[in-house]
Amino acid sequence: MRLGPLSELSPEQAELSARITNRRGGTRGPFLVWLRSPGLCDRVEALGAYCRFESALPLRLRELSLLVAARHFDAQYSWNAHIDKAVDVGVDRAALERLARREDPDFPDPEDALLHRFAAEVLENHFVTDETFAAGLEAFGERGLVDLIGALGNFSMLAMLLNTFEVDLQPDREPPFPDVRGYGRVTGAAS
């Protein structure tokens, strides 16, 4: 990681770290960066918790939206942290492997395919076609679409943070995107 370890936490950082650990099982990865700005960390953690745990979208689609944003931004840490979770809740692993290789994922589940199309349009084109919008509105409802855009924004911010600060990959994981420059080094690995 581009920043050194946090050697001593302020009372505000310690409280945030304890809350993050309680909700997420540990303070690691991006939170080791966000803790350096406690006010932002507090708000980002709350938004991320909503997007991951409380959104109107089913858990399967929440995990898929995170992976679509992760791949769009080459956020290897996020991909590694969530691919197994997505598969466990029903996203097709073979489709995700194709997405990782930047191939057409060809999701067998129509909702997964629609979410991918919607997210890809907004991330790549910055707009969504009328046809895709109408299909998304019918499938996910107004709240679901608003939550999807919020999730994509949150997961995009997460990806930018991970990439900018080159947060080290989990020690037991390999970089999932071989086409990405030096980011995602495992702690202690050569650049």
N, C-alpha and C. Protein backbone atom coordinates (compact mmCIF):
# COMPACT_ATOMS: atom_id res chain seq x y z
N MET A 1 0.85 -1.17 0.00
CA MET A 1 0.00 0.00 0.00
C MET A 1 0.89 1.24 0.00
N ARG A 2 0.41 2.26 -0.67
CA ARG A 2 1.21 3.47 -0.79
C ARG A 2 1.36 4.24 0.52
N LEU A 3 0.47 4.04 1.45
CA LEU A 3 0.56 4.70 2.76
C LEU A 3 1.07 3.68 3.77
N GLY A 4 1.84 4.16 4.73
CA GLY A 4 2.33 3.28 5.79
C GLY A 4 1.20 2.87 6.73
N PRO A 5 1.49 1.98 7.64
CA PRO A 5 0.47 1.55 8.59
C PRO A 5 0.07 2.68 9.53
N LEU A 6 -1.13 2.60 10.02
CA LEU A 6 -1.59 3.54 11.05
C LEU A 6 -0.98 3.08 12.37
N SER A 7 -0.05 3.86 12.88
CA SER A 7 0.66 3.40 14.08
C SER A 7 -0.14 3.66 15.35
N GLU A 8 -0.84 4.76 15.40
CA GLU A 8 -1.61 5.08 16.60
C GLU A 8 -2.92 5.73 16.16
N LEU A 9 -4.04 5.22 16.67
CA LEU A 9 -5.34 5.76 16.30
C LEU A 9 -5.78 6.82 17.30
N SER A 10 -6.39 7.87 16.79
CA SER A 10 -7.02 8.86 17.65
C SER A 10 -8.26 8.21 18.27
N PRO A 11 -8.82 8.80 19.30
CA PRO A 11 -10.06 8.24 19.87
C PRO A 11 -11.17 8.09 18.81
N GLU A 12 -11.30 9.10 17.93
CA GLU A 12 -12.32 9.03 16.87
C GLU A 12 -12.03 7.88 15.91
N GLN A 13 -10.78 7.71 15.51
CA GLN A 13 -10.41 6.60 14.63
C GLN A 13 -10.62 5.25 15.31
N ALA A 14 -10.28 5.17 16.58
CA ALA A 14 -10.45 3.91 17.32
C ALA A 14 -11.92 3.53 17.42
N GLU A 15 -12.79 4.50 17.66
CA GLU A 15 -14.23 4.23 17.73
C GLU A 15 -14.75 3.75 16.38
N LEU A 16 -14.33 4.42 15.31
CA LEU A 16 -14.73 4.01 13.96
C LEU A 16 -14.22 2.61 13.64
N SER A 17 -12.99 2.34 13.96
CA SER A 17 -12.41 1.03 13.70
C SER A 17 -13.18 -0.06 14.44
N ALA A 18 -13.55 0.20 15.69
CA ALA A 18 -14.31 -0.78 16.46
C ALA A 18 -15.68 -1.02 15.82
N ARG A 19 -16.34 0.05 15.37
CA ARG A 19 -17.65 -0.10 14.72
C ARG A 19 -17.53 -0.88 13.41
N ILE A 20 -16.51 -0.57 12.63
CA ILE A 20 -16.28 -1.28 11.36
C ILE A 20 -16.00 -2.75 11.63
N THR A 21 -15.17 -3.02 12.60
CA THR A 21 -14.85 -4.41 12.95
C THR A 21 -16.09 -5.15 13.40
N ASN A 22 -16.92 -4.49 14.18
CA ASN A 22 -18.15 -5.12 14.67
C ASN A 22 -19.09 -5.48 13.52
N ARG A 23 -19.22 -4.58 12.53
CA ARG A 23 -20.15 -4.80 11.43
C ARG A 23 -19.56 -5.70 10.34
N ARG A 24 -18.24 -5.60 10.11
CA ARG A 24 -17.63 -6.25 8.96
C ARG A 24 -16.60 -7.32 9.30
N GLY A 25 -16.39 -7.55 10.59
CA GLY A 25 -15.46 -8.60 10.98
C GLY A 25 -14.00 -8.19 11.01
N GLY A 26 -13.70 -6.93 10.78
CA GLY A 26 -12.33 -6.45 10.83
C GLY A 26 -12.20 -5.11 10.14
N THR A 27 -11.14 -4.40 10.47
CA THR A 27 -10.83 -3.15 9.80
C THR A 27 -9.63 -3.43 8.91
N ARG A 28 -9.89 -3.57 7.62
CA ARG A 28 -8.83 -3.95 6.68
C ARG A 28 -9.05 -3.25 5.35
N GLY A 29 -8.16 -3.52 4.42
CA GLY A 29 -8.30 -3.03 3.06
C GLY A 29 -8.55 -1.53 2.99
N PRO A 30 -9.66 -1.14 2.35
CA PRO A 30 -9.91 0.29 2.13
C PRO A 30 -10.09 1.08 3.41
N PHE A 31 -10.55 0.44 4.48
CA PHE A 31 -10.78 1.17 5.71
C PHE A 31 -9.47 1.62 6.36
N LEU A 32 -8.38 0.95 6.04
CA LEU A 32 -7.08 1.38 6.54
C LEU A 32 -6.66 2.70 5.89
N VAL A 33 -7.24 3.02 4.75
CA VAL A 33 -7.02 4.32 4.12
C VAL A 33 -8.06 5.31 4.62
N TRP A 34 -9.33 4.94 4.57
CA TRP A 34 -10.39 5.87 4.94
C TRP A 34 -10.28 6.35 6.39
N LEU A 35 -9.74 5.54 7.27
CA LEU A 35 -9.60 5.96 8.67
C LEU A 35 -8.75 7.22 8.82
N ARG A 36 -7.94 7.54 7.83
CA ARG A 36 -7.09 8.73 7.88
C ARG A 36 -7.91 10.02 7.76
N SER A 37 -9.16 9.87 7.32
CA SER A 37 -10.11 10.99 7.29
C SER A 37 -11.37 10.51 8.00
N PRO A 38 -11.39 10.60 9.33
CA PRO A 38 -12.49 10.00 10.10
C PRO A 38 -13.89 10.45 9.68
N GLY A 39 -14.06 11.72 9.35
CA GLY A 39 -15.38 12.20 8.93
C GLY A 39 -15.83 11.51 7.66
N LEU A 40 -14.94 11.41 6.68
CA LEU A 40 -15.28 10.72 5.44
C LEU A 40 -15.48 9.23 5.71
N CYS A 41 -14.61 8.65 6.49
CA CYS A 41 -14.71 7.22 6.81
C CYS A 41 -16.08 6.89 7.40
N ASP A 42 -16.51 7.70 8.33
CA ASP A 42 -17.80 7.48 8.98
C ASP A 42 -18.93 7.46 7.97
N ARG A 43 -18.93 8.42 7.07
CA ARG A 43 -20.00 8.52 6.08
C ARG A 43 -19.90 7.45 5.01
N VAL A 44 -18.69 7.17 4.56
CA VAL A 44 -18.49 6.14 3.54
C VAL A 44 -18.87 4.76 4.09
N GLU A 45 -18.51 4.49 5.32
CA GLU A 45 -18.85 3.19 5.91
C GLU A 45 -20.36 3.03 6.02
N ALA A 46 -21.06 4.10 6.40
CA ALA A 46 -22.52 4.03 6.50
C ALA A 46 -23.15 3.81 5.13
N LEU A 47 -22.67 4.53 4.11
CA LEU A 47 -23.20 4.35 2.75
C LEU A 47 -22.90 2.94 2.25
N GLY A 48 -21.66 2.50 2.44
CA GLY A 48 -21.29 1.16 2.00
C GLY A 48 -22.11 0.09 2.70
N ALA A 49 -22.37 0.26 3.98
CA ALA A 49 -23.19 -0.71 4.72
C ALA A 49 -24.60 -0.75 4.15
N TYR A 50 -25.17 0.42 3.84
CA TYR A 50 -26.50 0.44 3.23
C TYR A 50 -26.48 -0.29 1.88
N CYS A 51 -25.52 0.05 1.04
CA CYS A 51 -25.46 -0.55 -0.30
C CYS A 51 -25.26 -2.06 -0.23
N ARG A 52 -24.49 -2.54 0.71
CA ARG A 52 -24.20 -3.97 0.81
C ARG A 52 -25.25 -4.76 1.57
N PHE A 53 -25.83 -4.16 2.63
CA PHE A 53 -26.65 -4.94 3.55
C PHE A 53 -28.12 -4.56 3.59
N GLU A 54 -28.50 -3.37 3.10
CA GLU A 54 -29.88 -2.90 3.29
C GLU A 54 -30.58 -2.45 2.02
N SER A 55 -29.91 -2.40 0.93
CA SER A 55 -30.47 -1.91 -0.33
C SER A 55 -31.72 -2.68 -0.72
N ALA A 56 -32.57 -2.02 -1.54
CA ALA A 56 -33.78 -2.66 -2.05
C ALA A 56 -33.46 -3.80 -3.02
N LEU A 57 -32.27 -3.82 -3.55
CA LEU A 57 -31.90 -4.89 -4.48
C LEU A 57 -31.64 -6.19 -3.72
N PRO A 58 -31.95 -7.32 -4.33
CA PRO A 58 -31.60 -8.59 -3.68
C PRO A 58 -30.08 -8.71 -3.50
N LEU A 59 -29.67 -9.47 -2.52
CA LEU A 59 -28.25 -9.62 -2.20
C LEU A 59 -27.44 -10.03 -3.43
N ARG A 60 -27.97 -10.91 -4.25
CA ARG A 60 -27.27 -11.37 -5.45
C ARG A 60 -26.93 -10.18 -6.35
N LEU A 61 -27.89 -9.28 -6.53
CA LEU A 61 -27.66 -8.13 -7.41
C LEU A 61 -26.76 -7.08 -6.76
N ARG A 62 -26.79 -6.99 -5.44
CA ARG A 62 -25.87 -6.08 -4.75
C ARG A 62 -24.44 -6.53 -4.97
N GLU A 63 -24.21 -7.84 -4.80
CA GLU A 63 -22.85 -8.36 -5.01
C GLU A 63 -22.43 -8.22 -6.47
N LEU A 64 -23.35 -8.46 -7.38
CA LEU A 64 -23.01 -8.32 -8.80
C LEU A 64 -22.68 -6.87 -9.14
N SER A 65 -23.44 -5.92 -8.60
CA SER A 65 -23.14 -4.51 -8.90
C SER A 65 -21.75 -4.14 -8.41
N LEU A 66 -21.35 -4.67 -7.28
CA LEU A 66 -20.01 -4.40 -6.77
C LEU A 66 -18.96 -4.97 -7.73
N LEU A 67 -19.18 -6.18 -8.22
CA LEU A 67 -18.21 -6.80 -9.13
C LEU A 67 -18.15 -6.09 -10.48
N VAL A 68 -19.29 -5.62 -10.97
CA VAL A 68 -19.28 -4.89 -12.24
C VAL A 68 -18.45 -3.60 -12.09
N ALA A 69 -18.67 -2.88 -11.00
CA ALA A 69 -17.88 -1.67 -10.76
C ALA A 69 -16.41 -2.02 -10.54
N ALA A 70 -16.15 -3.09 -9.80
CA ALA A 70 -14.76 -3.49 -9.56
C ALA A 70 -14.05 -3.79 -10.87
N ARG A 71 -14.71 -4.50 -11.77
CA ARG A 71 -14.06 -4.82 -13.04
C ARG A 71 -13.90 -3.59 -13.91
N HIS A 72 -14.90 -2.73 -13.89
CA HIS A 72 -14.83 -1.50 -14.69
C HIS A 72 -13.60 -0.68 -14.31
N PHE A 73 -13.32 -0.61 -13.01
CA PHE A 73 -12.20 0.18 -12.51
C PHE A 73 -10.95 -0.65 -12.22
N ASP A 74 -10.96 -1.94 -12.55
CA ASP A 74 -9.81 -2.82 -12.30
C ASP A 74 -9.48 -2.92 -10.81
N ALA A 75 -10.48 -2.90 -9.96
CA ALA A 75 -10.28 -2.95 -8.51
C ALA A 75 -10.15 -4.40 -8.06
N GLN A 76 -8.92 -4.87 -8.07
CA GLN A 76 -8.65 -6.28 -7.81
C GLN A 76 -8.98 -6.69 -6.36
N TYR A 77 -8.72 -5.81 -5.41
CA TYR A 77 -9.04 -6.13 -4.01
C TYR A 77 -10.54 -6.39 -3.87
N SER A 78 -11.36 -5.50 -4.42
CA SER A 78 -12.82 -5.68 -4.33
C SER A 78 -13.26 -6.97 -5.00
N TRP A 79 -12.70 -7.21 -6.17
CA TRP A 79 -13.07 -8.43 -6.90
C TRP A 79 -12.77 -9.66 -6.04
N ASN A 80 -11.55 -9.72 -5.53
CA ASN A 80 -11.17 -10.87 -4.70
C ASN A 80 -12.05 -10.99 -3.45
N ALA A 81 -12.41 -9.86 -2.86
CA ALA A 81 -13.20 -9.89 -1.63
C ALA A 81 -14.64 -10.32 -1.87
N HIS A 82 -15.13 -10.20 -3.12
CA HIS A 82 -16.56 -10.43 -3.34
C HIS A 82 -16.93 -11.51 -4.35
N ILE A 83 -15.99 -12.03 -5.11
CA ILE A 83 -16.39 -13.01 -6.12
C ILE A 83 -17.01 -14.25 -5.49
N ASP A 84 -16.43 -14.77 -4.44
CA ASP A 84 -17.00 -15.97 -3.81
C ASP A 84 -18.35 -15.67 -3.16
N LYS A 85 -18.49 -14.47 -2.59
CA LYS A 85 -19.78 -14.08 -2.00
C LYS A 85 -20.85 -14.04 -3.08
N ALA A 86 -20.52 -13.49 -4.24
CA ALA A 86 -21.48 -13.41 -5.33
C ALA A 86 -21.89 -14.80 -5.81
N VAL A 87 -20.93 -15.66 -5.95
CA VAL A 87 -21.23 -17.04 -6.38
C VAL A 87 -22.09 -17.75 -5.33
N ASP A 88 -21.76 -17.53 -4.06
CA ASP A 88 -22.52 -18.17 -2.98
C ASP A 88 -23.99 -17.75 -2.97
N VAL A 89 -24.29 -16.55 -3.45
CA VAL A 89 -25.69 -16.10 -3.46
C VAL A 89 -26.33 -16.25 -4.83
N GLY A 90 -25.67 -16.97 -5.74
CA GLY A 90 -26.33 -17.37 -6.98
C GLY A 90 -25.85 -16.77 -8.28
N VAL A 91 -24.82 -15.93 -8.28
CA VAL A 91 -24.30 -15.40 -9.54
C VAL A 91 -23.43 -16.48 -10.18
N ASP A 92 -23.61 -16.66 -11.46
CA ASP A 92 -22.91 -17.71 -12.21
C ASP A 92 -21.40 -17.44 -12.27
N ARG A 93 -20.61 -18.39 -11.73
CA ARG A 93 -19.15 -18.21 -11.70
C ARG A 93 -18.55 -18.11 -13.10
N ALA A 94 -19.02 -18.93 -14.02
CA ALA A 94 -18.46 -18.88 -15.38
C ALA A 94 -18.69 -17.51 -16.02
N ALA A 95 -19.85 -16.91 -15.79
CA ALA A 95 -20.13 -15.57 -16.32
C ALA A 95 -19.19 -14.55 -15.68
N LEU A 96 -18.95 -14.68 -14.39
CA LEU A 96 -18.04 -13.76 -13.71
C LEU A 96 -16.61 -13.92 -14.22
N GLU A 97 -16.21 -15.14 -14.50
CA GLU A 97 -14.87 -15.36 -15.05
C GLU A 97 -14.73 -14.72 -16.43
N ARG A 98 -15.81 -14.78 -17.23
CA ARG A 98 -15.78 -14.10 -18.53
C ARG A 98 -15.70 -12.58 -18.33
N LEU A 99 -16.47 -12.06 -17.38
CA LEU A 99 -16.41 -10.63 -17.08
C LEU A 99 -15.00 -10.23 -16.67
N ALA A 100 -14.36 -11.04 -15.85
CA ALA A 100 -12.98 -10.75 -15.41
C ALA A 100 -12.03 -10.67 -16.60
N ARG A 101 -12.28 -11.47 -17.64
CA ARG A 101 -11.43 -11.46 -18.84
C ARG A 101 -11.87 -10.40 -19.85
N ARG A 102 -12.83 -9.58 -19.48
CA ARG A 102 -13.40 -8.54 -20.35
C ARG A 102 -14.10 -9.13 -21.56
N GLU A 103 -14.66 -10.29 -21.40
CA GLU A 103 -15.48 -10.92 -22.44
C GLU A 103 -16.95 -10.66 -22.10
N ASP A 104 -17.83 -10.91 -23.07
CA ASP A 104 -19.26 -10.81 -22.80
C ASP A 104 -19.59 -11.86 -21.74
N PRO A 105 -20.09 -11.44 -20.57
CA PRO A 105 -20.32 -12.41 -19.51
C PRO A 105 -21.46 -13.38 -19.80
N ASP A 106 -22.43 -12.98 -20.63
CA ASP A 106 -23.54 -13.86 -21.01
C ASP A 106 -24.16 -14.51 -19.76
N PHE A 107 -24.62 -13.67 -18.84
CA PHE A 107 -25.22 -14.17 -17.61
C PHE A 107 -26.46 -15.01 -17.93
N PRO A 108 -26.57 -16.21 -17.39
CA PRO A 108 -27.75 -17.04 -17.65
C PRO A 108 -29.01 -16.51 -16.96
N ASP A 109 -28.88 -15.81 -15.85
CA ASP A 109 -30.03 -15.26 -15.15
C ASP A 109 -30.41 -13.93 -15.80
N PRO A 110 -31.66 -13.77 -16.25
CA PRO A 110 -32.06 -12.52 -16.93
C PRO A 110 -31.89 -11.27 -16.08
N GLU A 111 -32.12 -11.35 -14.75
CA GLU A 111 -31.92 -10.17 -13.89
C GLU A 111 -30.45 -9.80 -13.81
N ASP A 112 -29.58 -10.80 -13.73
CA ASP A 112 -28.14 -10.53 -13.70
C ASP A 112 -27.71 -9.87 -15.01
N ALA A 113 -28.21 -10.39 -16.12
CA ALA A 113 -27.86 -9.83 -17.43
C ALA A 113 -28.34 -8.38 -17.54
N LEU A 114 -29.56 -8.11 -17.05
CA LEU A 114 -30.09 -6.75 -17.10
C LEU A 114 -29.28 -5.82 -16.21
N LEU A 115 -28.97 -6.26 -15.00
CA LEU A 115 -28.17 -5.41 -14.12
C LEU A 115 -26.82 -5.10 -14.76
N HIS A 116 -26.20 -6.11 -15.33
CA HIS A 116 -24.90 -5.88 -15.99
C HIS A 116 -25.04 -4.88 -17.14
N ARG A 117 -26.06 -5.04 -17.96
CA ARG A 117 -26.27 -4.13 -19.09
C ARG A 117 -26.50 -2.70 -18.58
N PHE A 118 -27.36 -2.54 -17.59
CA PHE A 118 -27.66 -1.23 -17.03
C PHE A 118 -26.38 -0.59 -16.47
N ALA A 119 -25.66 -1.34 -15.64
CA ALA A 119 -24.44 -0.82 -15.01
C ALA A 119 -23.38 -0.50 -16.05
N ALA A 120 -23.22 -1.37 -17.04
CA ALA A 120 -22.21 -1.13 -18.07
C ALA A 120 -22.53 0.14 -18.86
N GLU A 121 -23.81 0.34 -19.16
CA GLU A 121 -24.17 1.55 -19.91
C GLU A 121 -23.85 2.81 -19.10
N VAL A 122 -24.22 2.82 -17.83
CA VAL A 122 -23.99 4.04 -17.05
C VAL A 122 -22.50 4.25 -16.78
N LEU A 123 -21.76 3.18 -16.53
CA LEU A 123 -20.32 3.33 -16.25
C LEU A 123 -19.52 3.66 -17.51
N GLU A 124 -19.86 3.06 -18.61
CA GLU A 124 -19.08 3.26 -19.83
C GLU A 124 -19.55 4.46 -20.65
N ASN A 125 -20.88 4.63 -20.76
CA ASN A 125 -21.43 5.69 -21.61
C ASN A 125 -21.90 6.90 -20.82
N HIS A 126 -22.00 6.77 -19.52
CA HIS A 126 -22.45 7.83 -18.62
C HIS A 126 -23.94 8.12 -18.75
N PHE A 127 -24.63 7.35 -19.55
CA PHE A 127 -26.06 7.45 -19.76
C PHE A 127 -26.61 6.04 -19.95
N VAL A 128 -27.92 5.91 -19.81
CA VAL A 128 -28.60 4.64 -20.01
C VAL A 128 -29.64 4.85 -21.10
N THR A 129 -29.72 3.92 -22.04
CA THR A 129 -30.70 4.05 -23.11
C THR A 129 -32.11 3.96 -22.54
N ASP A 130 -33.06 4.49 -23.30
CA ASP A 130 -34.47 4.42 -22.87
C ASP A 130 -34.90 2.97 -22.69
N GLU A 131 -34.47 2.12 -23.59
CA GLU A 131 -34.85 0.69 -23.52
C GLU A 131 -34.31 0.05 -22.24
N THR A 132 -33.05 0.28 -21.94
CA THR A 132 -32.46 -0.30 -20.74
C THR A 132 -33.08 0.29 -19.49
N PHE A 133 -33.34 1.60 -19.50
CA PHE A 133 -33.97 2.23 -18.35
C PHE A 133 -35.34 1.63 -18.08
N ALA A 134 -36.14 1.49 -19.12
CA ALA A 134 -37.50 0.93 -18.96
C ALA A 134 -37.43 -0.50 -18.43
N ALA A 135 -36.52 -1.28 -18.95
CA ALA A 135 -36.38 -2.67 -18.48
C ALA A 135 -35.93 -2.70 -17.02
N GLY A 136 -34.99 -1.82 -16.65
CA GLY A 136 -34.53 -1.74 -15.27
C GLY A 136 -35.63 -1.30 -14.33
N LEU A 137 -36.42 -0.32 -14.75
CA LEU A 137 -37.52 0.18 -13.92
C LEU A 137 -38.55 -0.92 -13.69
N GLU A 138 -38.86 -1.66 -14.73
CA GLU A 138 -39.82 -2.75 -14.59
C GLU A 138 -39.29 -3.86 -13.68
N ALA A 139 -38.03 -4.20 -13.81
CA ALA A 139 -37.45 -5.31 -13.05
C ALA A 139 -37.12 -4.93 -11.61
N PHE A 140 -36.60 -3.74 -11.38
CA PHE A 140 -36.06 -3.38 -10.07
C PHE A 140 -36.90 -2.34 -9.33
N GLY A 141 -37.82 -1.66 -10.04
CA GLY A 141 -38.64 -0.63 -9.43
C GLY A 141 -37.85 0.66 -9.24
N GLU A 142 -38.56 1.72 -8.85
CA GLU A 142 -37.92 3.01 -8.68
C GLU A 142 -36.85 2.96 -7.59
N ARG A 143 -37.22 2.43 -6.44
CA ARG A 143 -36.25 2.37 -5.34
C ARG A 143 -35.05 1.52 -5.72
N GLY A 144 -35.29 0.40 -6.38
CA GLY A 144 -34.20 -0.47 -6.79
C GLY A 144 -33.24 0.24 -7.74
N LEU A 145 -33.77 1.01 -8.69
CA LEU A 145 -32.89 1.73 -9.62
C LEU A 145 -32.10 2.83 -8.90
N VAL A 146 -32.76 3.54 -7.99
CA VAL A 146 -32.04 4.57 -7.24
C VAL A 146 -30.95 3.91 -6.40
N ASP A 147 -31.28 2.79 -5.75
CA ASP A 147 -30.28 2.08 -4.96
C ASP A 147 -29.15 1.54 -5.83
N LEU A 148 -29.47 1.10 -7.03
CA LEU A 148 -28.43 0.60 -7.94
C LEU A 148 -27.45 1.72 -8.30
N ILE A 149 -27.96 2.90 -8.64
CA ILE A 149 -27.08 4.01 -8.98
C ILE A 149 -26.24 4.42 -7.76
N GLY A 150 -26.87 4.44 -6.59
CA GLY A 150 -26.11 4.74 -5.37
C GLY A 150 -25.02 3.72 -5.12
N ALA A 151 -25.34 2.44 -5.33
CA ALA A 151 -24.35 1.38 -5.13
C ALA A 151 -23.21 1.51 -6.14
N LEU A 152 -23.54 1.76 -7.39
CA LEU A 152 -22.49 1.91 -8.40
C LEU A 152 -21.58 3.09 -8.07
N GLY A 153 -22.17 4.19 -7.59
CA GLY A 153 -21.35 5.33 -7.19
C GLY A 153 -20.46 4.98 -6.01
N ASN A 154 -21.02 4.32 -5.02
CA ASN A 154 -20.24 3.93 -3.85
C ASN A 154 -19.13 2.95 -4.22
N PHE A 155 -19.46 1.95 -5.01
CA PHE A 155 -18.46 0.94 -5.37
C PHE A 155 -17.41 1.51 -6.32
N SER A 156 -17.78 2.51 -7.11
CA SER A 156 -16.79 3.20 -7.95
C SER A 156 -15.82 4.00 -7.10
N MET A 157 -16.35 4.70 -6.08
CA MET A 157 -15.48 5.44 -5.16
C MET A 157 -14.54 4.48 -4.45
N LEU A 158 -15.06 3.34 -4.02
CA LEU A 158 -14.24 2.32 -3.38
C LEU A 158 -13.11 1.88 -4.31
N ALA A 159 -13.45 1.61 -5.56
CA ALA A 159 -12.45 1.16 -6.52
C ALA A 159 -11.36 2.21 -6.74
N MET A 160 -11.77 3.47 -6.85
CA MET A 160 -10.79 4.54 -7.06
C MET A 160 -9.85 4.66 -5.86
N LEU A 161 -10.39 4.51 -4.66
CA LEU A 161 -9.55 4.56 -3.46
C LEU A 161 -8.56 3.40 -3.46
N LEU A 162 -9.04 2.19 -3.72
CA LEU A 162 -8.17 1.01 -3.72
C LEU A 162 -7.05 1.16 -4.74
N ASN A 163 -7.38 1.66 -5.92
CA ASN A 163 -6.38 1.80 -6.97
C ASN A 163 -5.40 2.93 -6.68
N THR A 164 -5.91 4.07 -6.24
CA THR A 164 -5.04 5.23 -5.98
C THR A 164 -4.00 4.92 -4.91
N PHE A 165 -4.45 4.27 -3.84
CA PHE A 165 -3.56 3.99 -2.72
C PHE A 165 -2.91 2.61 -2.82
N GLU A 166 -3.18 1.91 -3.93
CA GLU A 166 -2.62 0.59 -4.19
C GLU A 166 -2.71 -0.31 -2.96
N VAL A 167 -3.93 -0.44 -2.46
CA VAL A 167 -4.16 -1.29 -1.30
C VAL A 167 -3.78 -2.72 -1.66
N ASP A 168 -2.95 -3.32 -0.83
CA ASP A 168 -2.44 -4.66 -1.10
C ASP A 168 -3.58 -5.67 -1.17
N LEU A 169 -3.40 -6.63 -2.07
CA LEU A 169 -4.37 -7.71 -2.16
C LEU A 169 -4.33 -8.56 -0.89
N GLN A 170 -5.40 -9.28 -0.69
CA GLN A 170 -5.46 -10.22 0.41
C GLN A 170 -4.30 -11.21 0.24
N PRO A 171 -3.63 -11.58 1.35
CA PRO A 171 -2.42 -12.40 1.23
C PRO A 171 -2.63 -13.76 0.58
N ASP A 172 -3.85 -14.28 0.61
CA ASP A 172 -4.11 -15.61 0.05
C ASP A 172 -4.68 -15.55 -1.37
N ARG A 173 -4.70 -14.37 -2.00
CA ARG A 173 -5.32 -14.22 -3.32
C ARG A 173 -4.33 -13.70 -4.34
N GLU A 174 -4.54 -14.13 -5.56
CA GLU A 174 -3.75 -13.68 -6.70
C GLU A 174 -4.48 -12.54 -7.40
N PRO A 175 -3.77 -11.69 -8.14
CA PRO A 175 -4.45 -10.65 -8.91
C PRO A 175 -5.38 -11.29 -9.95
N PRO A 176 -6.65 -10.93 -9.96
CA PRO A 176 -7.59 -11.55 -10.90
C PRO A 176 -7.53 -10.98 -12.31
N PHE A 177 -6.92 -9.81 -12.48
CA PHE A 177 -6.87 -9.16 -13.78
C PHE A 177 -5.42 -9.03 -14.22
N PRO A 178 -4.92 -9.95 -15.01
CA PRO A 178 -3.50 -9.91 -15.40
C PRO A 178 -3.15 -8.72 -16.30
N ASP A 179 -4.17 -8.05 -16.84
CA ASP A 179 -3.91 -6.93 -17.75
C ASP A 179 -3.72 -5.60 -17.02
N VAL A 180 -3.75 -5.61 -15.70
CA VAL A 180 -3.66 -4.38 -14.92
C VAL A 180 -2.23 -4.14 -14.51
N ARG A 181 -1.76 -2.90 -14.67
CA ARG A 181 -0.39 -2.56 -14.28
C ARG A 181 -0.18 -2.79 -12.79
N GLY A 182 0.92 -2.50 -12.25
CA GLY A 182 1.40 -2.82 -10.93
C GLY A 182 0.46 -2.87 -9.75
N TYR A 183 -0.76 -2.37 -9.87
CA TYR A 183 -1.68 -2.36 -8.73
C TYR A 183 -2.01 -3.79 -8.28
N GLY A 184 -2.27 -3.92 -7.03
CA GLY A 184 -2.75 -5.19 -6.52
C GLY A 184 -1.64 -6.11 -6.07
N ARG A 185 -0.49 -5.55 -5.80
CA ARG A 185 0.62 -6.39 -5.35
C ARG A 185 0.27 -7.03 -4.01
N VAL A 186 0.66 -8.23 -3.86
CA VAL A 186 0.52 -8.90 -2.58
C VAL A 186 1.61 -8.36 -1.66
N THR A 187 1.32 -8.16 -0.39
CA THR A 187 2.30 -7.63 0.55
C THR A 187 3.60 -8.40 0.43
N GLY A 188 4.69 -7.66 0.22
CA GLY A 188 5.99 -8.30 0.13
C GLY A 188 6.36 -8.75 -1.27
N ALA A 189 5.41 -8.70 -2.20
CA ALA A 189 5.69 -9.15 -3.57
C ALA A 189 6.44 -8.06 -4.33
N ALA A 190 7.20 -8.47 -5.30
CA ALA A 190 7.95 -7.51 -6.12
C ALA A 190 6.98 -6.75 -7.02
N SER A 191 7.35 -5.52 -7.32
CA SER A 191 6.50 -4.69 -8.20
C SER A 191 6.64 -5.11 -9.63
